[in-house]
């Protein structure tokens, strides 16, 4: 199957991940305003960062995998297709801030509010200085004000759920 450009696969409006099963495939779906955009395999840090990756089957039948790659001292989530890398991410400045890059786009994912033990809860996705989407990691929902590529949406959910192994602030500090 021929891979289409990432600019053609954009989502806007209310975006969410909904669980549809426990075993087999799919276990979740990526929905935009109630329409299924992609079927998702099992989500686990082990599969993404050290295993075969999380299977993503888009509505047109294209298969992607959310996997990991080395970037300096970090292991970062990327999305691979049969023709190559679709999008990748990495840590930015500050605490739990990330960059998401594709062939035609670049975004910053930053927490809003207090950073707690697990996560801040509300995030913003920015392109340059413009907020284009807000992310609620407790509900696993995005409100996109402007079109966002599907690969970037998948990396947003992966980053807010799993972070990047190797980030100093993800591990609790223990005083001996």
N, C-alpha and C. Protein backbone atom coordinates (compact mmCIF):
# COMPACT_ATOMS: atom_id res chain seq x y z
N UNK A 1 0.84 -1.17 0.00
CA UNK A 1 0.00 0.00 0.00
C UNK A 1 0.89 1.24 0.00
N UNK A 2 0.56 2.21 -0.83
CA UNK A 2 1.35 3.42 -0.95
C UNK A 2 1.14 4.33 0.25
N UNK A 3 2.21 4.84 0.80
CA UNK A 3 2.16 5.73 1.96
C UNK A 3 1.81 7.14 1.49
N UNK A 4 0.75 7.75 2.04
CA UNK A 4 0.39 9.11 1.69
C UNK A 4 1.15 10.09 2.57
N UNK A 5 1.22 11.31 2.16
CA UNK A 5 1.92 12.34 2.92
C UNK A 5 1.26 12.55 4.27
N UNK A 6 2.05 12.88 5.29
CA UNK A 6 1.51 13.10 6.62
C UNK A 6 0.60 14.32 6.67
N UNK A 7 0.78 15.28 5.75
CA UNK A 7 -0.06 16.48 5.75
C UNK A 7 -1.51 16.13 5.42
N UNK A 8 -1.76 15.03 4.74
CA UNK A 8 -3.11 14.63 4.40
C UNK A 8 -3.83 13.97 5.58
N UNK A 9 -3.11 13.51 6.57
CA UNK A 9 -3.69 12.83 7.73
C UNK A 9 -3.70 13.79 8.91
N UNK A 10 -4.66 14.69 8.94
CA UNK A 10 -4.76 15.65 10.03
C UNK A 10 -6.11 15.50 10.71
N UNK A 11 -6.13 15.86 11.99
CA UNK A 11 -7.33 15.74 12.82
C UNK A 11 -7.57 17.08 13.49
N UNK A 12 -8.82 17.44 13.66
CA UNK A 12 -9.18 18.64 14.41
C UNK A 12 -10.40 18.33 15.27
N UNK A 13 -10.68 19.18 16.23
CA UNK A 13 -11.84 18.98 17.10
C UNK A 13 -11.52 18.17 18.33
N UNK A 14 -12.50 17.42 18.81
CA UNK A 14 -12.36 16.60 20.02
C UNK A 14 -11.74 15.25 19.64
N UNK A 15 -10.58 14.96 20.21
CA UNK A 15 -9.84 13.73 19.91
C UNK A 15 -9.68 12.96 21.22
N UNK A 16 -9.91 11.64 21.16
CA UNK A 16 -9.77 10.83 22.37
C UNK A 16 -9.35 9.41 22.02
N UNK A 17 -8.81 8.74 23.04
CA UNK A 17 -8.53 7.31 22.93
C UNK A 17 -9.55 6.60 23.79
N UNK A 18 -10.26 5.64 23.19
CA UNK A 18 -11.29 4.88 23.91
C UNK A 18 -10.92 3.40 23.89
N UNK A 19 -10.99 2.79 25.04
CA UNK A 19 -10.72 1.35 25.16
C UNK A 19 -11.88 0.56 24.56
N UNK A 20 -11.55 -0.45 23.73
CA UNK A 20 -12.59 -1.27 23.09
C UNK A 20 -12.46 -2.76 23.40
N UNK A 21 -11.37 -3.16 24.03
CA UNK A 21 -11.17 -4.57 24.35
C UNK A 21 -10.03 -4.74 25.32
N UNK A 22 -9.84 -5.97 25.77
CA UNK A 22 -8.74 -6.26 26.69
C UNK A 22 -7.67 -7.14 26.06
N UNK A 23 -8.07 -8.03 25.19
CA UNK A 23 -7.13 -8.97 24.57
C UNK A 23 -7.26 -8.87 23.06
N UNK A 24 -6.23 -9.31 22.39
CA UNK A 24 -6.26 -9.31 20.94
C UNK A 24 -6.08 -7.91 20.38
N UNK A 25 -6.46 -7.73 19.15
CA UNK A 25 -6.35 -6.43 18.49
C UNK A 25 -7.69 -6.06 17.90
N UNK A 26 -8.14 -4.87 18.03
CA UNK A 26 -7.58 -3.73 18.75
C UNK A 26 -8.02 -3.72 20.21
N UNK A 27 -7.25 -3.02 21.04
CA UNK A 27 -7.65 -2.84 22.43
C UNK A 27 -8.11 -1.41 22.67
N UNK A 28 -7.82 -0.50 21.72
CA UNK A 28 -8.26 0.89 21.83
C UNK A 28 -8.44 1.48 20.44
N UNK A 29 -9.17 2.59 20.40
CA UNK A 29 -9.37 3.30 19.14
C UNK A 29 -9.07 4.78 19.35
N UNK A 30 -8.49 5.39 18.34
CA UNK A 30 -8.29 6.83 18.30
C UNK A 30 -9.48 7.42 17.58
N UNK A 31 -10.25 8.27 18.27
CA UNK A 31 -11.48 8.84 17.72
C UNK A 31 -11.36 10.35 17.59
N UNK A 32 -11.94 10.89 16.54
CA UNK A 32 -12.05 12.33 16.36
C UNK A 32 -13.51 12.65 16.12
N UNK A 33 -14.11 13.36 17.06
CA UNK A 33 -15.54 13.68 17.01
C UNK A 33 -16.39 12.45 16.73
N UNK A 34 -16.04 11.32 17.37
CA UNK A 34 -16.80 10.08 17.26
C UNK A 34 -16.45 9.20 16.08
N UNK A 35 -15.58 9.65 15.19
CA UNK A 35 -15.18 8.88 14.01
C UNK A 35 -13.85 8.18 14.29
N UNK A 36 -13.77 6.88 13.99
CA UNK A 36 -12.54 6.12 14.23
C UNK A 36 -11.47 6.52 13.22
N UNK A 37 -10.34 6.98 13.74
CA UNK A 37 -9.20 7.37 12.92
C UNK A 37 -8.20 6.22 12.82
N UNK A 38 -8.02 5.49 13.94
CA UNK A 38 -7.06 4.39 13.97
C UNK A 38 -7.43 3.39 15.05
N UNK A 39 -7.05 2.13 14.82
CA UNK A 39 -7.17 1.08 15.82
C UNK A 39 -5.79 0.90 16.44
N UNK A 40 -5.76 0.73 17.76
CA UNK A 40 -4.50 0.68 18.49
C UNK A 40 -4.32 -0.64 19.22
N UNK A 41 -3.08 -1.12 19.24
CA UNK A 41 -2.73 -2.30 20.00
C UNK A 41 -2.49 -1.95 21.46
N UNK A 42 -1.98 -2.91 22.19
CA UNK A 42 -1.76 -2.77 23.63
C UNK A 42 -0.73 -1.68 23.93
N UNK A 43 -1.06 -0.83 24.90
CA UNK A 43 -0.19 0.27 25.30
C UNK A 43 0.59 -0.12 26.56
N UNK A 44 1.89 -0.21 26.42
CA UNK A 44 2.73 -0.45 27.59
C UNK A 44 4.12 0.12 27.34
N UNK A 45 4.72 0.62 28.40
CA UNK A 45 6.07 1.18 28.28
C UNK A 45 7.05 0.13 27.79
N UNK A 46 6.91 -1.10 28.28
CA UNK A 46 7.83 -2.16 27.87
C UNK A 46 7.75 -2.40 26.37
N UNK A 47 6.53 -2.54 25.82
CA UNK A 47 6.38 -2.78 24.38
C UNK A 47 6.95 -1.64 23.56
N UNK A 48 6.66 -0.40 23.98
CA UNK A 48 7.09 0.75 23.20
C UNK A 48 8.60 0.94 23.27
N UNK A 49 9.18 0.93 24.47
CA UNK A 49 10.58 1.28 24.62
C UNK A 49 11.55 0.11 24.48
N UNK A 50 11.09 -1.12 24.73
CA UNK A 50 12.02 -2.24 24.69
C UNK A 50 11.52 -3.42 23.85
N UNK A 51 10.28 -3.39 23.42
CA UNK A 51 9.68 -4.50 22.69
C UNK A 51 9.40 -4.17 21.24
N UNK A 52 8.42 -4.84 20.67
CA UNK A 52 8.12 -4.68 19.24
C UNK A 52 7.39 -3.39 18.89
N UNK A 53 6.91 -2.65 19.89
CA UNK A 53 6.18 -1.41 19.63
C UNK A 53 4.69 -1.60 19.74
N UNK A 54 3.96 -0.49 19.68
CA UNK A 54 2.50 -0.51 19.74
C UNK A 54 1.97 -0.41 18.31
N UNK A 55 1.18 -1.38 17.91
CA UNK A 55 0.62 -1.42 16.57
C UNK A 55 -0.48 -0.38 16.42
N UNK A 56 -0.42 0.36 15.29
CA UNK A 56 -1.44 1.34 14.93
C UNK A 56 -1.89 1.01 13.52
N UNK A 57 -3.19 0.79 13.33
CA UNK A 57 -3.74 0.56 11.99
C UNK A 57 -4.69 1.71 11.70
N UNK A 58 -4.32 2.54 10.73
CA UNK A 58 -5.15 3.68 10.35
C UNK A 58 -6.39 3.20 9.62
N UNK A 59 -7.38 4.08 9.51
CA UNK A 59 -8.65 3.73 8.88
C UNK A 59 -8.48 3.26 7.44
N UNK A 60 -7.44 3.74 6.74
CA UNK A 60 -7.21 3.32 5.35
C UNK A 60 -6.42 2.02 5.25
N UNK A 61 -6.07 1.41 6.39
CA UNK A 61 -5.35 0.15 6.39
C UNK A 61 -3.84 0.27 6.55
N UNK A 62 -3.30 1.48 6.54
CA UNK A 62 -1.86 1.68 6.72
C UNK A 62 -1.46 1.30 8.14
N UNK A 63 -0.35 0.56 8.26
CA UNK A 63 0.14 0.15 9.58
C UNK A 63 1.34 0.99 9.99
N UNK A 64 1.28 1.46 11.23
CA UNK A 64 2.40 2.16 11.86
C UNK A 64 2.73 1.42 13.15
N UNK A 65 3.92 1.68 13.69
CA UNK A 65 4.31 1.18 15.01
C UNK A 65 4.89 2.33 15.81
N UNK A 66 4.42 2.46 17.05
CA UNK A 66 5.03 3.41 17.98
C UNK A 66 6.13 2.64 18.66
N UNK A 67 7.37 3.02 18.36
CA UNK A 67 8.55 2.31 18.86
C UNK A 67 9.45 3.31 19.57
N UNK A 68 10.69 2.94 19.76
CA UNK A 68 11.65 3.82 20.42
C UNK A 68 12.96 3.86 19.66
N UNK A 69 13.68 4.95 19.85
CA UNK A 69 15.01 5.11 19.26
C UNK A 69 15.89 5.83 20.27
N UNK A 70 17.20 5.70 20.13
CA UNK A 70 18.13 6.40 21.00
C UNK A 70 18.35 7.81 20.49
N UNK A 71 18.35 8.75 21.41
CA UNK A 71 18.67 10.14 21.12
C UNK A 71 19.51 10.65 22.27
N UNK A 72 20.82 10.69 22.06
CA UNK A 72 21.77 11.02 23.12
C UNK A 72 21.59 10.04 24.28
N UNK A 73 21.29 10.54 25.47
CA UNK A 73 21.14 9.64 26.62
C UNK A 73 19.70 9.20 26.83
N UNK A 74 18.80 9.59 25.94
CA UNK A 74 17.38 9.28 26.09
C UNK A 74 16.94 8.19 25.12
N UNK A 75 15.87 7.52 25.50
CA UNK A 75 15.16 6.62 24.60
C UNK A 75 13.85 7.33 24.30
N UNK A 76 13.62 7.70 23.04
CA UNK A 76 12.48 8.53 22.69
C UNK A 76 11.48 7.78 21.81
N UNK A 77 10.18 8.08 21.96
CA UNK A 77 9.18 7.44 21.10
C UNK A 77 9.24 7.99 19.67
N UNK A 78 9.07 7.10 18.71
CA UNK A 78 9.00 7.46 17.30
C UNK A 78 7.86 6.66 16.67
N UNK A 79 7.42 7.08 15.51
CA UNK A 79 6.43 6.32 14.76
C UNK A 79 7.06 5.89 13.45
N UNK A 80 7.04 4.58 13.22
CA UNK A 80 7.63 4.01 12.02
C UNK A 80 6.54 3.41 11.13
N UNK A 81 6.74 3.52 9.83
CA UNK A 81 5.88 2.84 8.86
C UNK A 81 6.78 1.92 8.06
N UNK A 82 6.21 1.20 7.10
CA UNK A 82 7.02 0.30 6.30
C UNK A 82 7.98 1.07 5.38
N UNK A 83 7.72 2.36 5.17
CA UNK A 83 8.60 3.15 4.30
C UNK A 83 9.57 4.03 5.07
N UNK A 84 9.51 4.05 6.39
CA UNK A 84 10.45 4.84 7.18
C UNK A 84 9.80 5.50 8.37
N UNK A 85 10.51 6.49 8.92
CA UNK A 85 10.03 7.20 10.10
C UNK A 85 8.99 8.23 9.71
N UNK A 86 7.86 8.21 10.39
CA UNK A 86 6.77 9.15 10.14
C UNK A 86 6.93 10.39 11.02
N UNK A 87 7.23 10.18 12.31
CA UNK A 87 7.41 11.28 13.26
C UNK A 87 8.28 10.80 14.41
N UNK A 88 8.94 11.76 15.08
CA UNK A 88 9.73 11.41 16.25
C UNK A 88 9.61 12.50 17.29
N UNK A 89 10.04 12.19 18.50
CA UNK A 89 9.92 13.14 19.60
C UNK A 89 11.21 13.15 20.40
N UNK A 90 11.27 14.07 21.35
CA UNK A 90 12.42 14.14 22.22
C UNK A 90 12.20 15.18 23.30
N UNK A 91 13.02 15.14 24.35
CA UNK A 91 12.86 16.10 25.44
C UNK A 91 13.33 17.50 25.01
N UNK A 92 12.67 18.52 25.57
CA UNK A 92 13.07 19.91 25.37
C UNK A 92 13.58 20.46 26.69
N UNK A 93 13.78 21.74 26.72
CA UNK A 93 14.18 22.43 27.94
C UNK A 93 13.06 22.32 28.97
N UNK A 94 13.40 22.52 30.23
CA UNK A 94 12.38 22.52 31.27
C UNK A 94 11.98 21.12 31.69
N UNK A 95 11.07 21.07 32.64
CA UNK A 95 10.61 19.79 33.16
C UNK A 95 9.48 19.25 32.31
N UNK A 96 9.64 18.03 31.85
CA UNK A 96 8.64 17.30 31.08
C UNK A 96 8.09 18.09 29.90
N UNK A 97 8.95 18.73 29.17
CA UNK A 97 8.57 19.40 27.92
C UNK A 97 9.17 18.61 26.78
N UNK A 98 8.42 18.46 25.69
CA UNK A 98 8.84 17.60 24.60
C UNK A 98 8.69 18.28 23.25
N UNK A 99 9.49 17.86 22.31
CA UNK A 99 9.37 18.28 20.93
C UNK A 99 8.83 17.13 20.10
N UNK A 100 7.96 17.44 19.15
CA UNK A 100 7.40 16.44 18.24
C UNK A 100 7.63 16.96 16.83
N UNK A 101 8.28 16.14 16.01
CA UNK A 101 8.66 16.57 14.67
C UNK A 101 8.26 15.53 13.64
N UNK A 102 7.72 16.01 12.55
CA UNK A 102 7.41 15.18 11.39
C UNK A 102 8.03 15.81 10.16
N UNK A 103 7.72 15.27 9.02
CA UNK A 103 8.29 15.78 7.78
C UNK A 103 7.85 17.22 7.49
N UNK A 104 6.60 17.55 7.85
CA UNK A 104 6.03 18.85 7.50
C UNK A 104 5.69 19.73 8.70
N UNK A 105 6.07 19.33 9.91
CA UNK A 105 5.63 20.07 11.08
C UNK A 105 6.60 19.91 12.23
N UNK A 106 6.46 20.79 13.21
CA UNK A 106 7.21 20.73 14.45
C UNK A 106 6.38 21.35 15.56
N UNK A 107 6.25 20.66 16.69
CA UNK A 107 5.44 21.12 17.80
C UNK A 107 6.22 21.01 19.10
N UNK A 108 5.77 21.79 20.08
CA UNK A 108 6.25 21.67 21.46
C UNK A 108 5.09 21.24 22.32
N UNK A 109 5.32 20.26 23.17
CA UNK A 109 4.31 19.78 24.11
C UNK A 109 4.78 20.15 25.50
N UNK A 110 4.01 21.04 26.18
CA UNK A 110 4.44 21.55 27.47
C UNK A 110 3.34 21.42 28.51
N UNK A 111 3.73 21.11 29.75
CA UNK A 111 2.73 21.01 30.82
C UNK A 111 2.26 22.40 31.25
N UNK A 112 1.02 22.47 31.66
CA UNK A 112 0.46 23.68 32.25
C UNK A 112 0.12 23.36 33.68
N UNK A 113 0.51 24.21 34.59
CA UNK A 113 0.18 23.97 35.99
C UNK A 113 1.27 23.21 36.71
N UNK A 114 0.93 22.76 37.90
CA UNK A 114 1.86 22.09 38.81
C UNK A 114 2.26 20.72 38.27
N UNK A 115 3.53 20.37 38.44
CA UNK A 115 4.00 19.05 38.07
C UNK A 115 3.99 18.19 39.33
N UNK A 116 3.13 17.21 39.35
CA UNK A 116 2.98 16.35 40.51
C UNK A 116 3.84 15.10 40.40
N UNK A 117 3.50 14.10 41.18
CA UNK A 117 4.25 12.85 41.15
C UNK A 117 4.14 12.17 39.80
N UNK A 118 2.94 12.10 39.25
CA UNK A 118 2.75 11.40 37.99
C UNK A 118 2.80 12.35 36.81
N UNK A 119 1.91 13.31 36.77
CA UNK A 119 1.85 14.20 35.62
C UNK A 119 1.07 15.45 35.96
N UNK A 120 1.20 16.48 35.13
CA UNK A 120 0.51 17.73 35.44
C UNK A 120 -0.98 17.72 35.13
N UNK A 121 -1.47 16.80 34.31
CA UNK A 121 -2.89 16.74 34.00
C UNK A 121 -3.27 17.48 32.75
N UNK A 122 -2.92 18.77 32.65
CA UNK A 122 -3.25 19.58 31.48
C UNK A 122 -1.96 19.99 30.78
N UNK A 123 -1.96 19.83 29.47
CA UNK A 123 -0.81 20.17 28.63
C UNK A 123 -1.27 21.08 27.51
N UNK A 124 -0.31 21.72 26.86
CA UNK A 124 -0.60 22.48 25.66
C UNK A 124 0.33 22.04 24.54
N UNK A 125 -0.21 21.97 23.34
CA UNK A 125 0.57 21.66 22.15
C UNK A 125 0.72 22.96 21.39
N UNK A 126 1.96 23.36 21.15
CA UNK A 126 2.23 24.65 20.52
C UNK A 126 3.00 24.48 19.22
N UNK A 127 2.69 25.35 18.28
CA UNK A 127 3.49 25.49 17.07
C UNK A 127 4.01 26.92 17.11
N UNK A 128 5.30 27.06 17.27
CA UNK A 128 5.94 28.35 17.54
C UNK A 128 5.36 28.89 18.85
N UNK A 129 4.73 30.04 18.86
CA UNK A 129 4.13 30.57 20.10
C UNK A 129 2.62 30.42 20.12
N UNK A 130 2.05 29.71 19.18
CA UNK A 130 0.60 29.57 19.08
C UNK A 130 0.14 28.25 19.69
N UNK A 131 -0.79 28.32 20.65
CA UNK A 131 -1.40 27.12 21.21
C UNK A 131 -2.38 26.57 20.19
N UNK A 132 -2.16 25.32 19.76
CA UNK A 132 -3.06 24.75 18.76
C UNK A 132 -3.94 23.64 19.33
N UNK A 133 -3.59 23.14 20.53
CA UNK A 133 -4.41 22.10 21.15
C UNK A 133 -4.14 22.05 22.65
N UNK A 134 -5.17 21.65 23.40
CA UNK A 134 -4.99 21.40 24.83
C UNK A 134 -5.21 19.91 25.06
N UNK A 135 -4.44 19.37 25.99
CA UNK A 135 -4.42 17.92 26.24
C UNK A 135 -4.77 17.67 27.71
N UNK A 136 -5.71 16.77 27.95
CA UNK A 136 -6.04 16.32 29.30
C UNK A 136 -5.57 14.88 29.41
N UNK A 137 -4.47 14.66 30.15
CA UNK A 137 -3.90 13.31 30.20
C UNK A 137 -4.66 12.37 31.13
N UNK A 138 -5.49 12.89 32.01
CA UNK A 138 -6.29 12.02 32.86
C UNK A 138 -7.47 11.42 32.10
N UNK A 139 -8.05 12.19 31.20
CA UNK A 139 -9.17 11.72 30.38
C UNK A 139 -8.69 11.19 29.03
N UNK A 140 -7.41 11.37 28.71
CA UNK A 140 -6.83 10.99 27.41
C UNK A 140 -7.63 11.63 26.27
N UNK A 141 -7.73 12.97 26.34
CA UNK A 141 -8.48 13.73 25.34
C UNK A 141 -7.68 14.94 24.90
N UNK A 142 -7.90 15.34 23.66
CA UNK A 142 -7.28 16.53 23.09
C UNK A 142 -8.39 17.38 22.47
N UNK A 143 -8.32 18.67 22.69
CA UNK A 143 -9.18 19.63 22.00
C UNK A 143 -8.28 20.40 21.04
N UNK A 144 -8.36 20.05 19.76
CA UNK A 144 -7.50 20.66 18.75
C UNK A 144 -8.21 21.83 18.11
N UNK A 145 -7.63 23.01 18.25
CA UNK A 145 -8.19 24.22 17.66
C UNK A 145 -7.81 24.34 16.19
N UNK A 146 -6.69 23.75 15.82
CA UNK A 146 -6.21 23.73 14.44
C UNK A 146 -5.92 22.28 14.06
N UNK A 147 -5.86 21.97 12.77
CA UNK A 147 -5.56 20.60 12.35
C UNK A 147 -4.20 20.14 12.86
N UNK A 148 -4.17 18.92 13.41
CA UNK A 148 -2.94 18.31 13.94
C UNK A 148 -2.74 16.97 13.23
N UNK A 149 -1.53 16.68 12.75
CA UNK A 149 -1.29 15.38 12.10
C UNK A 149 -1.55 14.21 13.05
N UNK A 150 -2.07 13.13 12.50
CA UNK A 150 -2.39 11.94 13.29
C UNK A 150 -1.16 11.41 14.03
N UNK A 151 -0.01 11.40 13.38
CA UNK A 151 1.22 10.92 14.04
C UNK A 151 1.57 11.77 15.25
N UNK A 152 1.40 13.09 15.15
CA UNK A 152 1.68 13.97 16.28
C UNK A 152 0.71 13.69 17.43
N UNK A 153 -0.55 13.44 17.11
CA UNK A 153 -1.55 13.12 18.15
C UNK A 153 -1.15 11.84 18.88
N UNK A 154 -0.73 10.82 18.14
CA UNK A 154 -0.32 9.56 18.77
C UNK A 154 0.90 9.76 19.66
N UNK A 155 1.86 10.58 19.22
CA UNK A 155 3.03 10.85 20.05
C UNK A 155 2.67 11.68 21.28
N UNK A 156 1.71 12.59 21.16
CA UNK A 156 1.25 13.35 22.33
C UNK A 156 0.72 12.40 23.39
N UNK A 157 -0.17 11.49 23.01
CA UNK A 157 -0.71 10.54 23.98
C UNK A 157 0.38 9.64 24.56
N UNK A 158 1.33 9.23 23.75
CA UNK A 158 2.43 8.39 24.24
C UNK A 158 3.29 9.16 25.23
N UNK A 159 3.63 10.40 24.93
CA UNK A 159 4.49 11.19 25.81
C UNK A 159 3.82 11.54 27.13
N UNK A 160 2.55 11.94 27.10
CA UNK A 160 1.91 12.29 28.36
C UNK A 160 1.67 11.06 29.23
N UNK A 161 1.56 9.89 28.61
CA UNK A 161 1.32 8.66 29.36
C UNK A 161 2.61 8.02 29.86
N UNK A 162 3.66 8.05 29.04
CA UNK A 162 4.89 7.32 29.39
C UNK A 162 6.12 8.20 29.61
N UNK A 163 6.10 9.42 29.10
CA UNK A 163 7.28 10.27 29.22
C UNK A 163 8.44 9.74 28.39
N UNK A 164 9.65 10.13 28.78
CA UNK A 164 10.87 9.69 28.09
C UNK A 164 11.78 9.07 29.14
N UNK A 165 12.08 7.77 29.02
CA UNK A 165 13.02 7.16 29.98
C UNK A 165 14.36 7.89 29.92
N UNK A 166 14.93 8.15 31.09
CA UNK A 166 16.20 8.85 31.15
C UNK A 166 16.05 10.28 31.59
N UNK A 167 14.82 10.80 31.62
CA UNK A 167 14.62 12.14 32.13
C UNK A 167 14.85 12.13 33.63
N UNK A 168 15.66 13.02 34.12
CA UNK A 168 16.01 13.03 35.54
C UNK A 168 14.79 13.26 36.42
N UNK A 169 13.83 14.08 35.98
CA UNK A 169 12.71 14.42 36.85
C UNK A 169 11.62 13.35 36.85
N UNK A 170 11.75 12.30 36.05
CA UNK A 170 10.75 11.23 36.10
C UNK A 170 11.02 10.27 37.23
N UNK A 171 12.25 10.20 37.68
CA UNK A 171 12.59 9.30 38.78
C UNK A 171 12.55 10.06 40.09
N UNK A 172 11.90 9.53 41.11
CA UNK A 172 11.88 10.22 42.40
C UNK A 172 13.28 10.29 42.99
N UNK A 173 13.56 11.41 43.62
CA UNK A 173 14.88 11.58 44.25
C UNK A 173 14.84 10.97 45.65
N UNK A 174 15.86 10.21 45.95
CA UNK A 174 15.94 9.55 47.25
C UNK A 174 17.18 10.08 47.96
N UNK A 175 17.01 10.61 49.15
CA UNK A 175 18.14 11.12 49.92
C UNK A 175 18.67 10.03 50.84
N UNK A 176 19.94 9.73 50.70
CA UNK A 176 20.53 8.67 51.55
C UNK A 176 21.31 9.28 52.65
